[in-house]
Amino acid sequence: MEAWQWILVLLAGASAIFVMGSIIWAVFDVFSEVRLDQTTRVLWVVLLFVLPLLGLLAWLYAKPRLASFGNSARLRKTL
């Protein structure tokens, strides 16, 4: 193999490790989210395993919305 082929192999391996680590982080993040009920957690994890990259992007999009929704619900309960 030539040098440029080794570079491509290393880049492919590094990107695969990054994607797999991101998915594992997302699974642990879903399980540690206290604002989700058990059914919703299972659905998120299934989405992450069935459609890994799309599920990861969906979780990153939905998590800030979940946090802002949780704070406003607590504020309404106290008023």
N, C-alpha and C. Protein backbone atom coordinates (compact mmCIF):
# COMPACT_ATOMS: atom_id res chain seq x y z
N MET A 1 0.84 -1.19 0.00
CA MET A 1 0.00 0.00 0.00
C MET A 1 0.88 1.25 0.00
N GLU A 2 0.36 2.23 -0.67
CA GLU A 2 1.09 3.49 -0.71
C GLU A 2 0.70 4.37 0.47
N ALA A 3 1.43 5.44 0.64
CA ALA A 3 1.22 6.31 1.80
C ALA A 3 -0.17 6.95 1.80
N TRP A 4 -0.66 7.37 0.64
CA TRP A 4 -1.96 8.02 0.60
C TRP A 4 -3.08 7.04 0.93
N GLN A 5 -2.87 5.76 0.62
CA GLN A 5 -3.87 4.77 0.98
C GLN A 5 -3.91 4.54 2.49
N TRP A 6 -2.77 4.58 3.13
CA TRP A 6 -2.72 4.46 4.59
C TRP A 6 -3.40 5.65 5.26
N ILE A 7 -3.21 6.82 4.68
CA ILE A 7 -3.86 8.01 5.23
C ILE A 7 -5.37 7.88 5.13
N LEU A 8 -5.87 7.38 4.00
CA LEU A 8 -7.31 7.18 3.84
C LEU A 8 -7.85 6.15 4.84
N VAL A 9 -7.08 5.09 5.05
CA VAL A 9 -7.49 4.06 6.01
C VAL A 9 -7.54 4.65 7.42
N LEU A 10 -6.56 5.44 7.79
CA LEU A 10 -6.55 6.06 9.12
C LEU A 10 -7.69 7.05 9.29
N LEU A 11 -7.98 7.83 8.26
CA LEU A 11 -9.11 8.77 8.33
C LEU A 11 -10.44 8.03 8.44
N ALA A 12 -10.60 6.95 7.71
CA ALA A 12 -11.84 6.16 7.78
C ALA A 12 -11.99 5.54 9.17
N GLY A 13 -10.90 5.03 9.72
CA GLY A 13 -10.95 4.45 11.06
C GLY A 13 -11.26 5.48 12.12
N ALA A 14 -10.65 6.65 12.01
CA ALA A 14 -10.90 7.72 12.99
C ALA A 14 -12.35 8.21 12.91
N SER A 15 -12.88 8.32 11.70
CA SER A 15 -14.27 8.77 11.58
C SER A 15 -15.23 7.71 12.10
N ALA A 16 -14.93 6.43 11.89
CA ALA A 16 -15.77 5.36 12.42
C ALA A 16 -15.76 5.36 13.94
N ILE A 17 -14.60 5.57 14.54
CA ILE A 17 -14.51 5.63 16.00
C ILE A 17 -15.27 6.84 16.53
N PHE A 18 -15.19 7.97 15.84
CA PHE A 18 -15.91 9.16 16.27
C PHE A 18 -17.42 8.96 16.21
N VAL A 19 -17.91 8.38 15.12
CA VAL A 19 -19.35 8.15 14.98
C VAL A 19 -19.83 7.15 16.02
N MET A 20 -19.11 6.06 16.23
CA MET A 20 -19.51 5.06 17.21
C MET A 20 -19.48 5.64 18.62
N GLY A 21 -18.47 6.44 18.93
CA GLY A 21 -18.42 7.08 20.24
C GLY A 21 -19.56 8.07 20.44
N SER A 22 -19.92 8.78 19.39
CA SER A 22 -21.04 9.72 19.48
C SER A 22 -22.36 9.00 19.74
N ILE A 23 -22.55 7.86 19.10
CA ILE A 23 -23.77 7.09 19.30
C ILE A 23 -23.82 6.52 20.71
N ILE A 24 -22.70 6.01 21.19
CA ILE A 24 -22.65 5.49 22.56
C ILE A 24 -22.92 6.61 23.56
N TRP A 25 -22.36 7.80 23.32
CA TRP A 25 -22.63 8.95 24.19
C TRP A 25 -24.13 9.28 24.19
N ALA A 26 -24.75 9.26 23.00
CA ALA A 26 -26.17 9.59 22.90
C ALA A 26 -27.02 8.58 23.66
N VAL A 27 -26.67 7.30 23.60
CA VAL A 27 -27.44 6.28 24.33
C VAL A 27 -27.34 6.54 25.83
N PHE A 28 -26.14 6.79 26.34
CA PHE A 28 -25.99 7.09 27.76
C PHE A 28 -26.69 8.39 28.14
N ASP A 29 -26.69 9.37 27.23
CA ASP A 29 -27.35 10.63 27.50
C ASP A 29 -28.87 10.46 27.55
N VAL A 30 -29.41 9.62 26.69
CA VAL A 30 -30.85 9.34 26.72
C VAL A 30 -31.22 8.65 28.04
N PHE A 31 -30.41 7.67 28.45
CA PHE A 31 -30.71 6.96 29.69
C PHE A 31 -30.58 7.85 30.92
N SER A 32 -29.73 8.85 30.87
CA SER A 32 -29.54 9.71 32.04
C SER A 32 -30.51 10.89 32.06
N GLU A 33 -31.30 11.06 31.01
CA GLU A 33 -32.26 12.17 30.95
C GLU A 33 -33.45 11.88 31.88
N VAL A 34 -33.61 12.70 32.90
CA VAL A 34 -34.65 12.46 33.90
C VAL A 34 -36.03 12.93 33.45
N ARG A 35 -36.09 13.77 32.43
CA ARG A 35 -37.39 14.29 31.98
C ARG A 35 -38.12 13.35 31.03
N LEU A 36 -37.50 12.22 30.68
CA LEU A 36 -38.12 11.26 29.78
C LEU A 36 -38.70 10.09 30.57
N ASP A 37 -39.86 9.62 30.15
CA ASP A 37 -40.38 8.41 30.78
C ASP A 37 -39.74 7.19 30.12
N GLN A 38 -40.00 6.00 30.66
CA GLN A 38 -39.32 4.79 30.22
C GLN A 38 -39.62 4.46 28.75
N THR A 39 -40.85 4.64 28.34
CA THR A 39 -41.22 4.32 26.95
C THR A 39 -40.48 5.23 25.97
N THR A 40 -40.40 6.50 26.29
CA THR A 40 -39.72 7.45 25.41
C THR A 40 -38.23 7.14 25.34
N ARG A 41 -37.65 6.75 26.45
CA ARG A 41 -36.23 6.38 26.44
C ARG A 41 -35.98 5.19 25.52
N VAL A 42 -36.84 4.18 25.63
CA VAL A 42 -36.67 2.99 24.79
C VAL A 42 -36.84 3.35 23.32
N LEU A 43 -37.80 4.20 22.99
CA LEU A 43 -37.99 4.62 21.60
C LEU A 43 -36.78 5.38 21.06
N TRP A 44 -36.19 6.24 21.88
CA TRP A 44 -34.99 6.97 21.45
C TRP A 44 -33.83 6.01 21.21
N VAL A 45 -33.65 5.04 22.10
CA VAL A 45 -32.54 4.10 21.93
C VAL A 45 -32.75 3.23 20.70
N VAL A 46 -33.99 2.81 20.45
CA VAL A 46 -34.28 2.04 19.24
C VAL A 46 -33.97 2.89 18.01
N LEU A 47 -34.36 4.16 18.03
CA LEU A 47 -34.05 5.04 16.90
C LEU A 47 -32.54 5.17 16.71
N LEU A 48 -31.80 5.26 17.80
CA LEU A 48 -30.34 5.39 17.69
C LEU A 48 -29.70 4.13 17.12
N PHE A 49 -30.28 2.97 17.39
CA PHE A 49 -29.70 1.74 16.85
C PHE A 49 -30.16 1.44 15.43
N VAL A 50 -31.40 1.82 15.10
CA VAL A 50 -31.91 1.54 13.76
C VAL A 50 -31.35 2.53 12.74
N LEU A 51 -31.40 3.81 13.07
CA LEU A 51 -30.88 4.86 12.20
C LEU A 51 -29.83 5.67 12.97
N PRO A 52 -28.61 5.18 13.05
CA PRO A 52 -27.64 5.78 13.97
C PRO A 52 -27.36 7.27 13.74
N LEU A 53 -26.99 7.66 12.55
CA LEU A 53 -26.64 9.07 12.33
C LEU A 53 -27.86 9.97 12.38
N LEU A 54 -28.96 9.53 11.78
CA LEU A 54 -30.18 10.32 11.82
C LEU A 54 -30.72 10.42 13.25
N GLY A 55 -30.65 9.32 13.99
CA GLY A 55 -31.09 9.33 15.38
C GLY A 55 -30.24 10.24 16.24
N LEU A 56 -28.94 10.24 16.00
CA LEU A 56 -28.03 11.11 16.75
C LEU A 56 -28.33 12.58 16.46
N LEU A 57 -28.54 12.91 15.20
CA LEU A 57 -28.87 14.29 14.85
C LEU A 57 -30.23 14.69 15.42
N ALA A 58 -31.19 13.78 15.41
CA ALA A 58 -32.50 14.07 15.99
C ALA A 58 -32.39 14.30 17.49
N TRP A 59 -31.58 13.50 18.18
CA TRP A 59 -31.41 13.68 19.62
C TRP A 59 -30.72 15.02 19.93
N LEU A 60 -29.71 15.37 19.16
CA LEU A 60 -29.04 16.65 19.37
C LEU A 60 -29.98 17.82 19.09
N TYR A 61 -30.93 17.65 18.19
CA TYR A 61 -31.91 18.69 17.89
C TYR A 61 -32.99 18.75 18.98
N ALA A 62 -33.40 17.62 19.49
CA ALA A 62 -34.52 17.57 20.44
C ALA A 62 -34.11 17.87 21.87
N LYS A 63 -32.87 17.61 22.24
CA LYS A 63 -32.46 17.78 23.63
C LYS A 63 -32.59 19.21 24.14
N PRO A 64 -32.13 20.24 23.42
CA PRO A 64 -32.33 21.60 23.94
C PRO A 64 -33.80 21.98 24.04
N ARG A 65 -34.62 21.49 23.13
CA ARG A 65 -36.05 21.76 23.20
C ARG A 65 -36.66 21.08 24.42
N LEU A 66 -36.16 19.90 24.76
CA LEU A 66 -36.63 19.18 25.93
C LEU A 66 -36.27 19.95 27.19
N ALA A 67 -35.07 20.52 27.22
CA ALA A 67 -34.63 21.28 28.39
C ALA A 67 -35.46 22.54 28.57
N SER A 68 -35.75 23.25 27.49
CA SER A 68 -36.54 24.47 27.62
C SER A 68 -37.98 24.15 27.97
N PHE A 69 -38.50 23.02 27.48
CA PHE A 69 -39.86 22.61 27.82
C PHE A 69 -39.96 22.25 29.30
N GLY A 70 -38.94 21.55 29.81
CA GLY A 70 -38.95 21.14 31.22
C GLY A 70 -38.92 22.32 32.16
N ASN A 71 -38.14 23.35 31.85
CA ASN A 71 -38.06 24.52 32.72
C ASN A 71 -39.36 25.30 32.72
N SER A 72 -40.01 25.43 31.57
CA SER A 72 -41.25 26.19 31.53
C SER A 72 -42.37 25.43 32.24
N ALA A 73 -42.34 24.11 32.19
CA ALA A 73 -43.36 23.32 32.89
C ALA A 73 -43.19 23.47 34.40
N ARG A 74 -41.96 23.50 34.87
CA ARG A 74 -41.73 23.70 36.30
C ARG A 74 -42.15 25.08 36.73
N LEU A 75 -41.91 26.06 35.88
CA LEU A 75 -42.29 27.41 36.21
C LEU A 75 -43.81 27.53 36.30
N ARG A 76 -44.53 26.90 35.40
CA ARG A 76 -45.98 26.93 35.44
C ARG A 76 -46.52 26.26 36.68
N LYS A 77 -45.89 25.18 37.12
CA LYS A 77 -46.36 24.47 38.31
C LYS A 77 -46.18 25.33 39.56
N THR A 78 -45.14 26.14 39.60
CA THR A 78 -44.91 26.93 40.81
C THR A 78 -45.79 28.16 40.87
N LEU A 79 -46.29 28.62 39.73
CA LEU A 79 -47.14 29.81 39.73
C LEU A 79 -48.50 29.41 40.04
